[in-house]
Every structure is written in structure tokens, then in C-alpha cells.
Amino acid sequence: MGKILAGKASDIPSGKMIKLEADGKDILVTNVDGNYYAMDDTCAHAGASLAEGSLDDSIITCPWHGATWDCKTGKMIKFGVQLKDLASYKVTVESDDIFVED
């Protein structure tokens, strides 16, 4: 994947998230209190887009079945069965540009 432009910091205010596609991967970028995080966007349970779910502090809730993930690490927090953790990615901010890289 390398380093890709995710967007402008002004486009992702605190408490919001966006989905982007890079090299065939769907990536979720979140803003938690001015800090940006990136992880895989696809829920490991049934394939839902986590960008369609909700963000509460650093907890993302899947819109389909309620699995929860920590957007800072990609670690699964809670679900009825154990799911695999999702990959997380390095995020850097340069001026007003947000970059995601693996």
C-alpha cells in the first residue's frame, strides 16, 4: 500500500470517520479527540463496512451485528464469539493532509 493521502484533517472532525480504498483494501480512518487512527474497514464477522457503524470515543460498533472494535489498535473488544483482530495502520498528519501507510 505504501503511503496514501486519506484526505484533509478539516474533512474528518473529531468523532467522525471516513472510508477509503487503497490497493483493493477498504480502510477506515477515524478522528478521536484530534488524533487520527486507521484500521481495516471490513468486519471480520459478516463483512459489514464499519464506516457505516458508530464511533463512540475510540469504540467502533459494527452496524450489522454489534461487534465492537478499538479504532486505535484494530483489536476486537466484544462480540458473541471471538473474531480476529483487524489490521491497523500508521497515520501521519502533514500540514492539513492525513496520510495512511502500512
N, C-alpha and C. Protein backbone atom coordinates (compact mmCIF):
# COMPACT_ATOMS: atom_id res chain seq x y z
N MET A 1 0.83 -1.19 0.00
CA MET A 1 0.00 0.00 0.00
C MET A 1 0.88 1.25 0.00
N GLY A 2 1.96 1.26 0.76
CA GLY A 2 2.80 2.45 0.82
C GLY A 2 2.12 3.55 1.61
N LYS A 3 2.35 4.78 1.21
CA LYS A 3 1.79 5.96 1.88
C LYS A 3 0.76 6.59 0.96
N ILE A 4 -0.48 6.70 1.47
CA ILE A 4 -1.55 7.26 0.64
C ILE A 4 -2.21 8.44 1.34
N LEU A 5 -2.69 9.37 0.56
CA LEU A 5 -3.41 10.53 1.09
C LEU A 5 -4.84 10.10 1.43
N ALA A 6 -5.22 10.27 2.69
CA ALA A 6 -6.57 9.90 3.12
C ALA A 6 -7.53 11.07 3.00
N GLY A 7 -7.00 12.29 3.05
CA GLY A 7 -7.84 13.47 2.96
C GLY A 7 -7.28 14.59 3.79
N LYS A 8 -8.08 15.61 3.97
CA LYS A 8 -7.70 16.78 4.76
C LYS A 8 -8.19 16.60 6.20
N ALA A 9 -7.41 17.07 7.14
CA ALA A 9 -7.80 17.00 8.55
C ALA A 9 -9.14 17.70 8.75
N SER A 10 -9.35 18.78 8.03
CA SER A 10 -10.61 19.53 8.15
C SER A 10 -11.81 18.74 7.65
N ASP A 11 -11.58 17.66 6.87
CA ASP A 11 -12.67 16.83 6.36
C ASP A 11 -13.10 15.76 7.36
N ILE A 12 -12.28 15.53 8.40
CA ILE A 12 -12.59 14.49 9.39
C ILE A 12 -12.54 15.13 10.78
N PRO A 13 -13.63 15.79 11.18
CA PRO A 13 -13.63 16.41 12.51
C PRO A 13 -13.65 15.36 13.62
N SER A 14 -13.36 15.78 14.82
CA SER A 14 -13.33 14.87 15.96
C SER A 14 -14.66 14.12 16.09
N GLY A 15 -14.56 12.81 16.31
CA GLY A 15 -15.75 11.98 16.45
C GLY A 15 -16.28 11.44 15.14
N LYS A 16 -15.60 11.71 14.05
CA LYS A 16 -16.06 11.26 12.73
C LYS A 16 -15.10 10.23 12.15
N MET A 17 -15.56 9.56 11.10
CA MET A 17 -14.75 8.57 10.41
C MET A 17 -15.08 8.57 8.93
N ILE A 18 -14.10 8.15 8.13
CA ILE A 18 -14.30 8.03 6.69
C ILE A 18 -13.75 6.68 6.23
N LYS A 19 -14.23 6.26 5.09
CA LYS A 19 -13.74 5.03 4.46
C LYS A 19 -12.99 5.41 3.20
N LEU A 20 -11.86 4.74 2.96
CA LEU A 20 -11.15 4.94 1.71
C LEU A 20 -10.67 3.59 1.20
N GLU A 21 -10.35 3.54 -0.08
CA GLU A 21 -9.89 2.30 -0.71
C GLU A 21 -8.47 2.52 -1.20
N ALA A 22 -7.60 1.57 -0.87
CA ALA A 22 -6.21 1.64 -1.32
C ALA A 22 -5.72 0.24 -1.63
N ASP A 23 -5.25 0.04 -2.84
CA ASP A 23 -4.73 -1.26 -3.27
C ASP A 23 -5.71 -2.41 -2.99
N GLY A 24 -6.99 -2.16 -3.23
CA GLY A 24 -8.00 -3.19 -3.04
C GLY A 24 -8.43 -3.41 -1.59
N LYS A 25 -7.91 -2.60 -0.67
CA LYS A 25 -8.29 -2.71 0.74
C LYS A 25 -9.20 -1.55 1.11
N ASP A 26 -10.21 -1.84 1.92
CA ASP A 26 -11.05 -0.79 2.47
C ASP A 26 -10.49 -0.42 3.83
N ILE A 27 -10.17 0.86 4.01
CA ILE A 27 -9.53 1.36 5.23
C ILE A 27 -10.47 2.37 5.90
N LEU A 28 -10.57 2.27 7.21
CA LEU A 28 -11.37 3.20 8.00
C LEU A 28 -10.42 4.16 8.71
N VAL A 29 -10.65 5.46 8.54
CA VAL A 29 -9.85 6.48 9.21
C VAL A 29 -10.76 7.21 10.19
N THR A 30 -10.32 7.31 11.45
CA THR A 30 -11.14 7.95 12.49
C THR A 30 -10.38 9.11 13.12
N ASN A 31 -11.15 10.03 13.69
CA ASN A 31 -10.59 11.14 14.46
C ASN A 31 -11.16 11.04 15.87
N VAL A 32 -10.27 10.77 16.84
CA VAL A 32 -10.66 10.69 18.24
C VAL A 32 -9.94 11.81 18.98
N ASP A 33 -10.68 12.84 19.31
CA ASP A 33 -10.12 13.99 20.04
C ASP A 33 -8.88 14.58 19.37
N GLY A 34 -8.92 14.70 18.04
CA GLY A 34 -7.82 15.30 17.30
C GLY A 34 -6.69 14.36 16.95
N ASN A 35 -6.82 13.09 17.33
CA ASN A 35 -5.83 12.07 16.97
C ASN A 35 -6.45 11.16 15.91
N TYR A 36 -5.68 10.85 14.87
CA TYR A 36 -6.19 10.08 13.75
C TYR A 36 -5.68 8.65 13.82
N TYR A 37 -6.57 7.71 13.50
CA TYR A 37 -6.25 6.28 13.52
C TYR A 37 -6.81 5.64 12.25
N ALA A 38 -6.18 4.54 11.82
CA ALA A 38 -6.65 3.83 10.64
C ALA A 38 -6.60 2.33 10.90
N MET A 39 -7.60 1.63 10.39
CA MET A 39 -7.68 0.18 10.52
C MET A 39 -8.50 -0.37 9.36
N ASP A 40 -8.52 -1.68 9.21
CA ASP A 40 -9.37 -2.29 8.18
C ASP A 40 -10.82 -1.89 8.43
N ASP A 41 -11.55 -1.70 7.35
CA ASP A 41 -12.95 -1.26 7.45
C ASP A 41 -13.93 -2.42 7.49
N THR A 42 -13.52 -3.62 7.10
CA THR A 42 -14.46 -4.73 6.95
C THR A 42 -14.54 -5.58 8.21
N CYS A 43 -15.73 -5.70 8.77
CA CYS A 43 -15.95 -6.51 9.98
C CYS A 43 -15.58 -7.96 9.70
N ALA A 44 -14.87 -8.57 10.64
CA ALA A 44 -14.42 -9.96 10.49
C ALA A 44 -15.55 -10.97 10.65
N HIS A 45 -16.73 -10.53 11.07
CA HIS A 45 -17.85 -11.45 11.27
C HIS A 45 -18.59 -11.74 9.98
N ALA A 46 -19.19 -10.70 9.39
CA ALA A 46 -20.02 -10.94 8.20
C ALA A 46 -19.71 -9.96 7.07
N GLY A 47 -18.64 -9.19 7.18
CA GLY A 47 -18.22 -8.35 6.08
C GLY A 47 -18.83 -6.97 5.99
N ALA A 48 -19.48 -6.50 7.05
CA ALA A 48 -20.07 -5.16 7.02
C ALA A 48 -18.98 -4.09 6.97
N SER A 49 -19.32 -2.95 6.39
CA SER A 49 -18.43 -1.80 6.41
C SER A 49 -18.57 -1.11 7.76
N LEU A 50 -17.47 -1.05 8.51
CA LEU A 50 -17.51 -0.42 9.83
C LEU A 50 -17.76 1.09 9.72
N ALA A 51 -17.46 1.68 8.57
CA ALA A 51 -17.72 3.11 8.36
C ALA A 51 -19.21 3.42 8.45
N GLU A 52 -20.05 2.41 8.26
CA GLU A 52 -21.50 2.59 8.35
C GLU A 52 -21.99 2.40 9.78
N GLY A 53 -21.08 2.04 10.68
CA GLY A 53 -21.43 1.84 12.09
C GLY A 53 -21.30 3.14 12.86
N SER A 54 -21.03 3.01 14.15
CA SER A 54 -20.93 4.19 15.00
C SER A 54 -19.57 4.25 15.69
N LEU A 55 -19.16 5.47 16.02
CA LEU A 55 -17.91 5.72 16.72
C LEU A 55 -18.25 6.43 18.02
N ASP A 56 -17.87 5.83 19.15
CA ASP A 56 -18.08 6.41 20.46
C ASP A 56 -16.74 6.38 21.18
N ASP A 57 -16.12 7.57 21.34
CA ASP A 57 -14.75 7.68 21.83
C ASP A 57 -13.88 6.91 20.85
N SER A 58 -13.23 5.82 21.26
CA SER A 58 -12.41 5.05 20.32
C SER A 58 -13.04 3.70 19.98
N ILE A 59 -14.31 3.52 20.32
CA ILE A 59 -15.00 2.26 20.10
C ILE A 59 -15.87 2.35 18.84
N ILE A 60 -15.61 1.44 17.91
CA ILE A 60 -16.42 1.35 16.69
C ILE A 60 -17.37 0.17 16.84
N THR A 61 -18.64 0.39 16.54
CA THR A 61 -19.64 -0.67 16.61
C THR A 61 -20.11 -1.00 15.21
N CYS A 62 -20.02 -2.28 14.87
CA CYS A 62 -20.46 -2.75 13.56
C CYS A 62 -21.96 -2.53 13.41
N PRO A 63 -22.39 -2.03 12.24
CA PRO A 63 -23.81 -1.74 12.04
C PRO A 63 -24.69 -2.98 11.90
N TRP A 64 -24.12 -4.13 11.58
CA TRP A 64 -24.94 -5.31 11.33
C TRP A 64 -25.24 -6.12 12.59
N HIS A 65 -24.23 -6.46 13.36
CA HIS A 65 -24.45 -7.38 14.48
C HIS A 65 -23.84 -6.90 15.80
N GLY A 66 -23.33 -5.67 15.82
CA GLY A 66 -22.91 -5.06 17.07
C GLY A 66 -21.53 -5.41 17.59
N ALA A 67 -20.69 -6.07 16.80
CA ALA A 67 -19.32 -6.33 17.25
C ALA A 67 -18.63 -4.98 17.49
N THR A 68 -17.77 -4.92 18.50
CA THR A 68 -17.08 -3.68 18.79
C THR A 68 -15.58 -3.85 18.64
N TRP A 69 -14.94 -2.77 18.19
CA TRP A 69 -13.50 -2.75 17.89
C TRP A 69 -12.89 -1.48 18.46
N ASP A 70 -11.62 -1.54 18.82
CA ASP A 70 -10.87 -0.36 19.24
C ASP A 70 -10.21 0.22 18.00
N CYS A 71 -10.61 1.42 17.60
CA CYS A 71 -10.07 2.00 16.37
C CYS A 71 -8.60 2.37 16.49
N LYS A 72 -8.08 2.46 17.71
CA LYS A 72 -6.67 2.80 17.90
C LYS A 72 -5.75 1.62 17.57
N THR A 73 -6.27 0.40 17.74
CA THR A 73 -5.42 -0.79 17.60
C THR A 73 -5.95 -1.84 16.62
N GLY A 74 -7.25 -1.77 16.29
CA GLY A 74 -7.87 -2.80 15.46
C GLY A 74 -8.28 -4.03 16.25
N LYS A 75 -8.11 -4.00 17.56
CA LYS A 75 -8.44 -5.16 18.41
C LYS A 75 -9.95 -5.25 18.61
N MET A 76 -10.44 -6.49 18.52
CA MET A 76 -11.84 -6.72 18.82
C MET A 76 -12.06 -6.55 20.32
N ILE A 77 -13.13 -5.89 20.69
CA ILE A 77 -13.45 -5.69 22.10
C ILE A 77 -14.49 -6.68 22.57
N LYS A 78 -15.63 -6.74 21.84
CA LYS A 78 -16.72 -7.59 22.33
C LYS A 78 -17.60 -8.06 21.18
N PHE A 79 -17.97 -9.34 21.27
CA PHE A 79 -18.94 -9.94 20.36
C PHE A 79 -19.31 -11.29 20.96
N GLY A 80 -20.31 -11.95 20.45
CA GLY A 80 -20.75 -13.24 20.98
C GLY A 80 -19.73 -14.35 20.82
N VAL A 81 -18.91 -14.24 19.79
CA VAL A 81 -17.82 -15.20 19.56
C VAL A 81 -16.54 -14.41 19.31
N GLN A 82 -15.41 -15.05 19.50
CA GLN A 82 -14.13 -14.37 19.27
C GLN A 82 -13.90 -14.21 17.76
N LEU A 83 -13.62 -12.99 17.35
CA LEU A 83 -13.29 -12.70 15.95
C LEU A 83 -11.83 -12.29 15.88
N LYS A 84 -11.26 -12.40 14.69
CA LYS A 84 -9.87 -11.98 14.55
C LYS A 84 -9.78 -10.46 14.63
N ASP A 85 -8.64 -10.00 15.15
CA ASP A 85 -8.39 -8.57 15.19
C ASP A 85 -8.20 -8.07 13.77
N LEU A 86 -8.44 -6.78 13.56
CA LEU A 86 -8.27 -6.17 12.26
C LEU A 86 -6.94 -5.44 12.20
N ALA A 87 -6.38 -5.34 11.02
CA ALA A 87 -5.09 -4.66 10.87
C ALA A 87 -5.26 -3.17 11.15
N SER A 88 -4.26 -2.59 11.79
CA SER A 88 -4.24 -1.15 11.97
C SER A 88 -3.06 -0.59 11.18
N TYR A 89 -3.12 0.69 10.87
CA TYR A 89 -2.15 1.32 10.01
C TYR A 89 -1.63 2.61 10.64
N LYS A 90 -0.42 2.98 10.27
CA LYS A 90 0.19 4.21 10.76
C LYS A 90 -0.48 5.40 10.08
N VAL A 91 -0.76 6.44 10.86
CA VAL A 91 -1.35 7.66 10.32
C VAL A 91 -0.43 8.83 10.67
N THR A 92 -0.16 9.66 9.68
CA THR A 92 0.62 10.87 9.91
C THR A 92 -0.15 12.06 9.36
N VAL A 93 0.07 13.21 9.99
CA VAL A 93 -0.56 14.45 9.54
C VAL A 93 0.56 15.41 9.16
N GLU A 94 0.50 15.91 7.94
CA GLU A 94 1.46 16.88 7.43
C GLU A 94 0.67 18.09 6.94
N SER A 95 0.86 19.21 7.61
CA SER A 95 0.04 20.40 7.38
C SER A 95 -1.41 20.00 7.65
N ASP A 96 -2.26 20.05 6.63
CA ASP A 96 -3.67 19.67 6.80
C ASP A 96 -3.97 18.33 6.14
N ASP A 97 -2.91 17.64 5.66
CA ASP A 97 -3.09 16.38 4.95
C ASP A 97 -2.91 15.19 5.89
N ILE A 98 -3.82 14.22 5.77
CA ILE A 98 -3.73 12.98 6.56
C ILE A 98 -3.26 11.88 5.63
N PHE A 99 -2.21 11.17 6.05
CA PHE A 99 -1.67 10.06 5.27
C PHE A 99 -1.78 8.77 6.07
N VAL A 100 -2.08 7.67 5.37
CA VAL A 100 -2.14 6.34 5.94
C VAL A 100 -1.07 5.51 5.26
N GLU A 101 -0.34 4.71 6.04
CA GLU A 101 0.66 3.84 5.45
C GLU A 101 0.74 2.55 6.23
N ASP A 102 1.22 1.50 5.53
CA ASP A 102 1.36 0.22 6.23
C ASP A 102 2.78 0.02 6.67
